[in-house]
């Protein structure tokens, strides 16, 4: 389990900071033959790059012309110094001047820091064993399946909840929805859309990919309803665990997750940044 996209922080919001990469994404079929020592680019939304045994996804961060976004897909041992040099060279050739990574675990963090990356954000990683879940929200709680027509309202909630650097655009929202083979997207209304959640499942692992509630409507149980709905769905679908992460300093979100029954994992995640 690894994070794809650092999505942000709002001091009082309840949200997920990073979208998780699943095993399904890490092992998508590659159709382009690889010549030894060659960079291979495969178009999958962002570019998929392969340098020797290292595999990453790379592209623009939120449409930026100078800030790249880098997602390691292979293990830390594949991110050799020579591979990282060539990946950075490719990003420079694409016109970027700096790069921000997905949220990565300790092994990848050590390798990237040795290459000159510095810590940008640290995230708590938490898990829920899907026992002792809060009661499923009632039918009159305002929850329903998100529709395509809800996307502008969803993105407006996201803009209100997150600092500008972390706000989702439409591509980012679709990335979080497409991150797993099975996905549930729910909005909560009162009467307009005031919050939403994206939940994914891959095998027995569940991921609370994105959670946001309009700051003016927080503290009224809407976030709990969205999370409870997500956990019940995951358990019905055969998941054994649910993972979520939140910024280290986001005490409100951390309190929410712990109150619902999430417990800290054995390690944290880190988002890194580097000039090219």
Protein backbone atom coordinates (compact mmCIF):
# COMPACT_ATOMS: atom_id res chain seq x y z
CA UNK A 1 0.00 0.00 0.00
CA UNK A 2 1.43 3.28 -1.05
CA UNK A 3 0.13 6.74 -1.59
CA UNK A 4 -0.29 8.33 -4.98
CA UNK A 5 -1.18 11.94 -4.65
CA UNK A 6 -0.72 14.33 -1.76
CA UNK A 7 -4.03 16.07 -1.62
CA UNK A 8 -3.78 18.55 1.11
CA UNK A 9 -4.69 19.95 4.42
CA UNK A 10 -7.14 22.33 5.97
CA UNK A 11 -6.58 23.04 9.65
CA UNK A 12 -10.16 22.28 10.70
CA UNK A 13 -11.23 19.95 7.91
CA UNK A 14 -11.67 16.23 7.79
CA UNK A 15 -9.84 14.98 4.76
CA UNK A 16 -7.46 12.55 3.26
CA UNK A 17 -4.14 13.96 2.17
CA UNK A 18 -3.04 11.27 -0.24
CA UNK A 19 -4.61 8.86 -2.66
CA UNK A 20 -3.41 5.27 -2.30
CA UNK A 21 -1.74 3.26 -5.06
CA UNK A 22 -2.99 -0.31 -5.11
CA UNK A 23 -1.28 -3.46 -6.30
CA UNK A 24 -3.57 -3.31 -9.32
CA UNK A 25 -2.08 0.03 -10.34
CA UNK A 26 1.46 -1.06 -9.61
CA UNK A 27 1.13 -4.02 -11.97
CA UNK A 28 -0.79 -2.61 -14.92
CA UNK A 29 0.25 -4.32 -18.15
CA UNK A 30 3.03 -2.56 -20.03
CA UNK A 31 2.60 -2.68 -23.81
CA UNK A 32 5.86 -0.99 -24.80
CA UNK A 33 8.93 -3.23 -25.03
CA UNK A 34 11.81 -2.12 -22.82
CA UNK A 35 15.31 -1.85 -24.22
CA UNK A 36 18.01 -2.28 -21.56
CA UNK A 37 18.92 1.03 -19.95
CA UNK A 38 16.31 2.96 -21.89
CA UNK A 39 13.58 5.27 -20.60
CA UNK A 40 10.23 3.95 -21.75
CA UNK A 41 7.21 6.27 -21.65
CA UNK A 42 3.69 4.86 -21.57
CA UNK A 43 0.73 7.17 -21.64
CA UNK A 44 -1.65 6.51 -18.69
CA UNK A 45 -3.03 9.95 -17.83
CA UNK A 46 0.37 10.94 -16.54
CA UNK A 47 3.41 9.42 -18.22
CA UNK A 48 4.61 6.08 -16.94
CA UNK A 49 8.40 5.96 -17.00
CA UNK A 50 10.60 2.91 -16.73
CA UNK A 51 14.34 3.26 -16.18
CA UNK A 52 15.94 -0.15 -15.86
CA UNK A 53 13.88 -1.78 -13.10
CA UNK A 54 12.56 1.50 -11.66
CA UNK A 55 8.97 2.38 -12.51
CA UNK A 56 7.32 5.72 -11.79
CA UNK A 57 4.44 7.84 -12.97
CA UNK A 58 5.24 11.47 -13.66
CA UNK A 59 3.43 14.51 -14.96
CA UNK A 60 2.31 18.00 -14.13
CA UNK A 61 1.16 18.85 -10.62
CA UNK A 62 -2.33 20.34 -11.01
CA UNK A 63 -1.58 21.57 -14.52
CA UNK A 64 1.52 23.47 -13.42
CA UNK A 65 4.04 24.22 -16.16
CA UNK A 66 7.04 24.09 -13.81
CA UNK A 67 6.14 21.73 -10.92
CA UNK A 68 6.18 18.01 -11.67
CA UNK A 69 4.49 15.23 -9.73
CA UNK A 70 6.38 11.96 -9.20
CA UNK A 71 4.79 8.67 -8.10
CA UNK A 72 7.17 5.75 -7.39
CA UNK A 73 5.56 2.46 -8.40
CA UNK A 74 8.40 0.00 -7.86
CA UNK A 75 10.24 -0.73 -4.62
CA UNK A 76 12.87 1.45 -3.01
CA UNK A 77 15.67 -0.86 -4.17
CA UNK A 78 14.86 -0.05 -7.81
CA UNK A 79 15.29 3.70 -7.25
CA UNK A 80 19.02 3.64 -7.78
CA UNK A 81 21.05 6.87 -7.96
CA UNK A 82 21.52 6.45 -11.71
CA UNK A 83 17.80 5.82 -12.26
CA UNK A 84 16.83 8.91 -10.27
CA UNK A 85 19.35 11.03 -12.19
CA UNK A 86 17.78 9.98 -15.47
CA UNK A 87 14.24 10.48 -14.21
CA UNK A 88 15.12 13.99 -13.11
CA UNK A 89 16.77 14.63 -16.46
CA UNK A 90 13.58 13.57 -18.21
CA UNK A 91 11.51 15.93 -16.05
CA UNK A 92 13.86 18.81 -16.89
CA UNK A 93 13.54 18.00 -20.59
CA UNK A 94 9.77 18.16 -20.14
CA UNK A 95 10.17 21.74 -18.91
CA UNK A 96 9.79 21.29 -15.16
CA UNK A 97 11.98 23.12 -12.65
CA UNK A 98 10.99 21.27 -9.47
CA UNK A 99 9.18 18.11 -8.43
CA UNK A 100 6.91 16.97 -5.58
CA UNK A 101 6.46 13.29 -4.79
CA UNK A 102 3.55 11.18 -3.79
CA UNK A 103 3.41 10.33 -0.09
CA UNK A 104 5.95 7.54 0.34
CA UNK A 105 6.95 5.10 3.06
CA UNK A 106 10.20 5.07 5.05
CA UNK A 107 12.30 3.05 2.57
CA UNK A 108 11.42 5.21 -0.43
CA UNK A 109 11.83 8.33 1.72
CA UNK A 110 15.40 7.38 2.66
CA UNK A 111 16.36 6.73 -0.96
CA UNK A 112 14.86 9.98 -2.20
CA UNK A 113 16.41 12.05 0.57
CA UNK A 114 19.81 10.60 -0.34
CA UNK A 115 19.15 11.94 -3.85
CA UNK A 116 18.59 15.47 -2.56
CA UNK A 117 14.84 15.48 -1.93
CA UNK A 118 13.71 17.24 1.24
CA UNK A 119 10.66 16.70 3.42
CA UNK A 120 7.68 18.80 2.39
CA UNK A 121 4.86 17.24 4.42
CA UNK A 122 4.53 14.39 6.88
CA UNK A 123 1.33 12.38 7.14
CA UNK A 124 -0.18 10.12 9.76
CA UNK A 125 -1.12 6.72 8.37
CA UNK A 126 -4.03 5.01 10.16
CA UNK A 127 -5.93 1.76 9.73
CA UNK A 128 -9.31 0.39 10.77
CA UNK A 129 -10.01 -3.34 11.18
CA UNK A 130 -13.69 -2.78 10.26
CA UNK A 131 -14.88 -3.89 13.68
CA UNK A 132 -16.84 -1.63 15.96
CA UNK A 133 -17.99 0.58 13.09
CA UNK A 134 -20.39 3.44 13.92
CA UNK A 135 -24.02 2.78 13.00
CA UNK A 136 -24.80 3.02 9.33
CA UNK A 137 -26.31 6.43 8.52
CA UNK A 138 -30.09 6.48 8.22
CA UNK A 139 -31.81 7.02 4.89
CA UNK A 140 -32.69 10.58 5.83
CA UNK A 141 -29.05 11.52 6.58
CA UNK A 142 -28.71 13.24 3.20
CA UNK A 143 -26.29 10.68 1.75
CA UNK A 144 -26.60 9.47 -1.82
CA UNK A 145 -24.47 8.25 -4.70
CA UNK A 146 -22.55 11.02 -6.40
CA UNK A 147 -23.59 11.86 -9.94
CA UNK A 148 -21.61 13.33 -12.77
CA UNK A 149 -23.66 16.50 -12.35
CA UNK A 150 -22.38 16.76 -8.73
CA UNK A 151 -18.77 17.25 -9.80
CA UNK A 152 -18.83 21.09 -9.80
CA UNK A 153 -20.34 21.09 -6.29
CA UNK A 154 -17.83 18.46 -5.12
CA UNK A 155 -14.91 20.52 -6.41
CA UNK A 156 -16.37 23.64 -4.77
CA UNK A 157 -16.45 21.85 -1.41
CA UNK A 158 -12.90 20.70 -2.03
CA UNK A 159 -11.79 24.27 -2.79
CA UNK A 160 -13.39 25.55 0.40
CA UNK A 161 -11.81 22.78 2.50
CA UNK A 162 -8.22 22.71 1.27
CA UNK A 163 -5.38 25.18 0.93
CA UNK A 164 -4.79 26.18 -2.72
CA UNK A 165 -1.73 23.97 -3.22
CA UNK A 166 -3.68 20.86 -2.26
CA UNK A 167 -7.03 21.49 -3.92
CA UNK A 168 -8.28 18.95 -6.42
CA UNK A 169 -9.05 19.80 -10.00
CA UNK A 170 -11.27 17.54 -12.09
CA UNK A 171 -8.34 15.35 -13.17
CA UNK A 172 -7.29 14.91 -9.55
CA UNK A 173 -10.82 13.94 -8.55
CA UNK A 174 -10.98 11.38 -11.35
CA UNK A 175 -7.56 10.04 -10.32
CA UNK A 176 -8.84 9.38 -6.80
CA UNK A 177 -11.93 7.66 -8.19
CA UNK A 178 -9.91 5.51 -10.61
CA UNK A 179 -7.23 4.51 -8.09
CA UNK A 180 -8.92 1.17 -7.30
CA UNK A 181 -11.00 -1.33 -9.25
CA UNK A 182 -14.00 -0.90 -6.94
CA UNK A 183 -14.96 2.61 -5.87
CA UNK A 184 -17.78 4.25 -3.94
CA UNK A 185 -18.37 8.00 -4.23
CA UNK A 186 -20.94 9.53 -1.90
CA UNK A 187 -22.11 13.07 -1.34
CA UNK A 188 -24.00 14.44 1.63
CA UNK A 189 -26.55 17.23 1.17
CA UNK A 190 -28.24 19.75 3.46
CA UNK A 191 -29.92 20.49 1.05
CA UNK A 192 -27.01 21.34 -1.31
CA UNK A 193 -23.85 19.23 -1.51
CA UNK A 194 -21.81 20.03 1.61
CA UNK A 195 -19.42 17.07 1.72
CA UNK A 196 -18.22 14.02 -0.14
CA UNK A 197 -16.15 10.88 0.24
CA UNK A 198 -14.28 8.66 -2.22
CA UNK A 199 -13.67 5.11 -0.99
CA UNK A 200 -11.82 2.38 -2.86
CA UNK A 201 -11.26 -1.33 -2.45
CA UNK A 202 -8.56 -3.59 -3.87
CA UNK A 203 -8.87 -7.18 -2.71
CA UNK A 204 -9.25 -7.17 1.07
CA UNK A 205 -7.74 -3.70 1.46
CA UNK A 206 -9.91 -0.61 1.67
CA UNK A 207 -8.84 3.00 1.18
CA UNK A 208 -10.60 6.17 2.25
CA UNK A 209 -9.23 8.10 -0.70
CA UNK A 210 -10.75 11.52 -0.16
CA UNK A 211 -12.98 13.11 2.45
CA UNK A 212 -14.06 16.74 2.68
CA UNK A 213 -16.82 18.66 4.44
CA UNK A 214 -17.57 22.33 3.85
CA UNK A 215 -15.81 24.16 6.72
CA UNK A 216 -19.01 26.07 7.54
CA UNK A 217 -20.81 22.76 8.15
CA UNK A 218 -18.18 20.87 10.10
CA UNK A 219 -18.72 19.65 13.64
CA UNK A 220 -22.29 18.49 12.92
CA UNK A 221 -21.63 14.82 12.24
CA UNK A 222 -21.47 14.94 8.45
CA UNK A 223 -17.89 13.68 8.36
CA UNK A 224 -18.77 10.79 10.70
CA UNK A 225 -21.70 9.84 8.46
CA UNK A 226 -19.52 9.79 5.36
CA UNK A 227 -16.82 7.68 7.03
CA UNK A 228 -19.34 5.28 8.58
CA UNK A 229 -20.95 4.77 5.18
CA UNK A 230 -17.53 4.05 3.66
CA UNK A 231 -16.59 1.51 6.35
CA UNK A 232 -19.89 -0.35 6.10
CA UNK A 233 -19.52 -0.56 2.31
CA UNK A 234 -15.98 -1.92 2.60
CA UNK A 235 -17.01 -4.58 5.10
CA UNK A 236 -19.93 -5.68 2.91
CA UNK A 237 -17.54 -5.99 -0.02
CA UNK A 238 -15.17 -8.30 1.89
CA UNK A 239 -12.45 -5.85 2.92
CA UNK A 240 -10.54 -6.61 6.13
CA UNK A 241 -8.82 -3.25 6.63
CA UNK A 242 -9.35 0.38 5.72
CA UNK A 243 -6.43 2.79 5.38
CA UNK A 244 -6.51 6.57 5.66
CA UNK A 245 -3.90 9.28 6.09
CA UNK A 246 -3.97 12.84 7.31
CA UNK A 247 -1.46 15.61 7.83
CA UNK A 248 0.62 15.38 10.99
CA UNK A 249 -0.57 18.78 12.24
CA UNK A 250 -4.25 18.20 11.40
CA UNK A 251 -5.42 17.40 14.91
CA UNK A 252 -9.13 17.77 14.05
CA UNK A 253 -9.00 15.12 11.32
CA UNK A 254 -6.81 12.87 13.44
CA UNK A 255 -9.28 13.13 16.31
CA UNK A 256 -12.17 12.27 14.00
CA UNK A 257 -10.50 9.13 12.68
CA UNK A 258 -9.42 7.93 16.11
CA UNK A 259 -12.92 8.53 17.47
CA UNK A 260 -14.32 6.31 14.73
CA UNK A 261 -11.84 3.54 15.55
CA UNK A 262 -8.80 4.12 13.33
CA UNK A 263 -5.44 3.40 14.96
CA UNK A 264 -1.98 4.60 13.89
CA UNK A 265 0.05 2.33 11.64
CA UNK A 266 3.65 1.45 12.48
CA UNK A 267 5.08 4.14 10.20
CA UNK A 268 4.22 7.49 8.68
CA UNK A 269 4.20 8.72 5.11
CA UNK A 270 6.24 11.62 3.74
CA UNK A 271 5.80 13.95 0.80
CA UNK A 272 9.11 15.18 -0.61
CA UNK A 273 10.17 18.00 -2.89
CA UNK A 274 13.27 18.78 -4.95
CA UNK A 275 14.52 21.41 -7.37
CA UNK A 276 15.52 20.02 -10.72
